[in-house]
C-alpha atoms as a PDB file:
ATOM      1  CA  MET A   1     -16.665  68.791  37.132  1.00  0.00           C
ATOM      2  CA  ARG A   2     -13.171  67.090  37.338  1.00  0.00           C
ATOM      3  CA  SER A   3     -11.761  70.307  36.510  1.00  0.00           C
ATOM      4  CA  ARG A   4     -13.750  72.408  39.457  1.00  0.00           C
ATOM      5  CA  ARG A   5     -12.311  69.911  41.689  1.00  0.00           C
ATOM      6  CA  GLN A   6      -8.872  70.530  40.932  1.00  0.00           C
ATOM      7  CA  HIS A   7      -9.304  74.609  40.614  1.00  0.00           C
ATOM      8  CA  ARG A   8     -10.739  74.054  44.077  1.00  0.00           C
ATOM      9  CA  ASP A   9      -7.836  72.235  45.386  1.00  0.00           C
ATOM     10  CA  ARG A  10      -5.379  74.244  44.116  1.00  0.00           C
ATOM     11  CA  ILE A  11      -7.008  77.470  45.716  1.00  0.00           C
ATOM     12  CA  ALA A  12      -6.845  75.420  48.513  1.00  0.00           C
ATOM     13  CA  ARG A  13      -3.387  74.467  48.246  1.00  0.00           C
ATOM     14  CA  GLN A  14      -2.565  78.379  47.582  1.00  0.00           C
ATOM     15  CA  ALA A  15      -4.626  79.659  50.614  1.00  0.00           C
ATOM     16  CA  ALA A  16      -2.819  77.120  52.977  1.00  0.00           C
ATOM     17  CA  ARG A  17       0.519  78.037  52.130  1.00  0.00           C
ATOM     18  CA  LYS A  18      -0.394  81.890  52.240  1.00  0.00           C
ATOM     19  CA  LEU A  19      -1.563  81.332  55.912  1.00  0.00           C
ATOM     20  CA  ALA A  20       1.249  79.257  56.900  1.00  0.00           C
ATOM     21  CA  TRP A  21       3.964  81.855  55.708  1.00  0.00           C
ATOM     22  CA  CYS A  22       1.473  84.543  57.588  1.00  0.00           C
ATOM     23  CA  ALA A  23       1.792  82.120  60.526  1.00  0.00           C
ATOM     24  CA  VAL A  24       5.664  81.927  59.874  1.00  0.00           C
ATOM     25  CA  ILE A  25       6.177  85.410  59.612  1.00  0.00           C
ATOM     26  CA  ILE A  26       3.938  86.304  62.794  1.00  0.00           C
ATOM     27  CA  LEU A  27       6.074  83.777  64.707  1.00  0.00           C
ATOM     28  CA  GLY A  28       8.966  85.415  64.125  1.00  0.00           C
ATOM     29  CA  PHE A  29       8.217  88.781  64.501  1.00  0.00           C
ATOM     30  CA  THR A  30       6.956  87.700  67.906  1.00  0.00           C
ATOM     31  CA  CYS A  31      10.574  86.060  68.554  1.00  0.00           C
ATOM     32  CA  VAL A  32      12.399  88.724  67.500  1.00  0.00           C
ATOM     33  CA  MET A  33       9.924  91.455  70.008  1.00  0.00           C
ATOM     34  CA  MET A  34      10.898  88.807  72.777  1.00  0.00           C
ATOM     35  CA  GLN A  35      14.504  88.809  72.057  1.00  0.00           C
ATOM     36  CA  LEU A  36      14.455  92.544  72.153  1.00  0.00           C
ATOM     37  CA  THR A  37      12.387  93.089  75.797  1.00  0.00           C
ATOM     38  CA  VAL A  38      11.942  89.808  78.030  1.00  0.00           C
ATOM     39  CA  TRP A  39      14.642  87.232  76.746  1.00  0.00           C
ATOM     40  CA  ASN A  40      16.942  89.891  76.736  1.00  0.00           C
ATOM     41  CA  ARG A  41      17.062  90.755  80.822  1.00  0.00           C
ATOM     42  CA  PRO A  42      20.034  91.408  82.088  1.00  0.00           C
ATOM     43  CA  ALA A  43      21.261  88.427  84.676  1.00  0.00           C
ATOM     44  CA  ALA A  44      19.887  88.298  88.267  1.00  0.00           C
ATOM     45  CA  GLN A  45      22.559  90.464  90.366  1.00  0.00           C
ATOM     46  CA  ASP A  46      23.839  88.725  93.722  1.00  0.00           C
ATOM     47  CA  ARG A  47      22.041  89.003  96.568  1.00  0.00           C
ATOM     48  CA  GLU A  48      23.198  91.776  99.115  1.00  0.00           C
ATOM     49  CA  PRO A  49      24.959  90.346 102.297  1.00  0.00           C
ATOM     50  CA  PHE A  50      22.943  91.376 105.426  1.00  0.00           C
ATOM     51  CA  TYR A  51      24.260  93.797 107.055  1.00  0.00           C
ATOM     52  CA  THR A  52      24.751  94.183 110.732  1.00  0.00           C
ATOM     53  CA  THR A  53      26.717  97.895 110.890  1.00  0.00           C
ATOM     54  CA  LEU A  54      25.492 101.175 109.675  1.00  0.00           C
ATOM     55  CA  PRO A  55      28.224 103.409 109.033  1.00  0.00           C
ATOM     56  CA  GLY A  56      27.003 106.893 110.611  1.00  0.00           C
ATOM     57  CA  VAL A  57      23.937 105.137 112.521  1.00  0.00           C
ATOM     58  CA  ASP A  58      24.962 104.626 116.039  1.00  0.00           C
ATOM     59  CA  LEU A  59      23.313 101.302 117.369  1.00  0.00           C
ATOM     60  CA  ASN A  60      24.183 101.508 120.918  1.00  0.00           C
ATOM     61  CA  GLY A  61      20.983 101.373 123.429  1.00  0.00           C
ATOM     62  CA  VAL A  62      18.576  99.456 121.282  1.00  0.00           C
ATOM     63  CA  PRO A  63      17.898  96.194 123.352  1.00  0.00           C
ATOM     64  CA  PRO A  64      19.319  93.260 122.496  1.00  0.00           C
ATOM     65  CA  ALA A  65      15.889  91.268 121.446  1.00  0.00           C
ATOM     66  CA  LYS A  66      15.005  94.668 119.062  1.00  0.00           C
ATOM     67  CA  LEU A  67      18.223  94.498 117.013  1.00  0.00           C
ATOM     68  CA  PRO A  68      17.512  91.465 114.755  1.00  0.00           C
ATOM     69  CA  ALA A  69      14.479  92.855 114.033  1.00  0.00           C
ATOM     70  CA  LEU A  70      15.325  96.434 113.612  1.00  0.00           C
ATOM     71  CA  LEU A  71      18.546  94.881 111.569  1.00  0.00           C
ATOM     72  CA  LYS A  72      16.022  92.995 109.278  1.00  0.00           C
ATOM     73  CA  ASP A  73      14.090  96.233 108.420  1.00  0.00           C
ATOM     74  CA  LEU A  74      16.705  98.092 107.660  1.00  0.00           C
ATOM     75  CA  ASN A  75      17.967  94.954 105.138  1.00  0.00           C
ATOM     76  CA  THR A  76      14.595  95.387 103.670  1.00  0.00           C
ATOM     77  CA  ARG A  77      13.644  98.697 102.960  1.00  0.00           C
ATOM     78  CA  ARG A  78      14.261 100.709 100.877  1.00  0.00           C
ATOM     79  CA  CYS A  79      16.236 103.997 100.714  1.00  0.00           C
ATOM     80  CA  THR A  80      14.523 107.211  99.107  1.00  0.00           C
ATOM     81  CA  CYS A  81      17.906 108.298  97.260  1.00  0.00           C
ATOM     82  CA  GLU A  82      17.056 106.230  94.036  1.00  0.00           C
ATOM     83  CA  CYS A  83      19.931 104.188  94.936  1.00  0.00           C
ATOM     84  CA  MET A  84      17.967 100.859  94.538  1.00  0.00           C
ATOM     85  CA  ARG A  85      19.463  99.618  97.572  1.00  0.00           C
ATOM     86  CA  THR A  86      18.363  98.978 100.777  1.00  0.00           C
ATOM     87  CA  LEU A  87      18.904 101.383 103.797  1.00  0.00           C
ATOM     88  CA  ALA A  88      21.634  99.487 105.386  1.00  0.00           C
ATOM     89  CA  SER A  89      23.409  98.428 101.580  1.00  0.00           C
ATOM     90  CA  CYS A  90      23.474 102.550 101.225  1.00  0.00           C
ATOM     91  CA  ARG A  91      24.801 103.135 104.164  1.00  0.00           C
ATOM     92  CA  ASN A  92      27.533 101.157 103.673  1.00  0.00           C
ATOM     93  CA  HIS A  93      28.428 101.676 100.259  1.00  0.00           C
ATOM     94  CA  HIS A  94      27.101 105.150  99.958  1.00  0.00           C
ATOM     95  CA  ARG A  95      28.238 106.932 103.148  1.00  0.00           C
ATOM     96  CA  SER A  96      27.616 110.538 101.963  1.00  0.00           C
ATOM     97  CA  CYS A  97      24.127 109.554 101.325  1.00  0.00           C
ATOM     98  CA  SER A  98      22.142 112.256 103.359  1.00  0.00           C
ATOM     99  CA  PHE A  99      18.571 110.468 102.821  1.00  0.00           C
ATOM    100  CA  SER A 100      19.877 107.229 104.314  1.00  0.00           C
ATOM    101  CA  VAL A 101      20.931 108.496 107.709  1.00  0.00           C
ATOM    102  CA  PRO A 102      17.603 110.224 108.973  1.00  0.00           C
ATOM    103  CA  VAL A 103      15.512 107.022 107.667  1.00  0.00           C
ATOM    104  CA  SER A 104      18.103 105.020 109.766  1.00  0.00           C
ATOM    105  CA  MET A 105      18.276 107.116 112.857  1.00  0.00           C
ATOM    106  CA  GLU A 106      14.530 107.337 112.909  1.00  0.00           C
ATOM    107  CA  ALA A 107      14.054 103.243 113.019  1.00  0.00           C
ATOM    108  CA  VAL A 108      17.275 103.060 115.572  1.00  0.00           C
ATOM    109  CA  ALA A 109      15.301 105.811 117.982  1.00  0.00           C
ATOM    110  CA  ALA A 110      11.916 103.740 117.609  1.00  0.00           C
ATOM    111  CA  ALA A 111      13.635 100.576 118.723  1.00  0.00           C
ATOM    112  CA  ARG A 112      15.154 102.432 121.478  1.00  0.00           C
ATOM    113  CA  GLU A 113      11.877 103.462 122.685  1.00  0.00           C
ATOM    114  CA  HIS A 114       9.479 100.688 122.593  1.00  0.00           C
END
């Protein structure tokens, strides 16, 4: 009877060791995958400044009461040229962009009308 109990205890210890090793391997694999994907993200870039000028876009004629809302819109709306910048940032950094000029001019024209 004693030997059966010892045999079961030995099997239980072996199973516990195998289970512990499986847990270590899974945890290690998970940490490696997290390091390669989520944990290895580049640091957040500094926020873009709030631009009050738009090169190539005439802001004259926009009522002074509507100018802050217009600038906020152009500083938050993304450019369609895939530069990953706002319209105002694109106008200030990519003066040759042909996408941000018409969109910005439409927004200015709409602000002038209303």
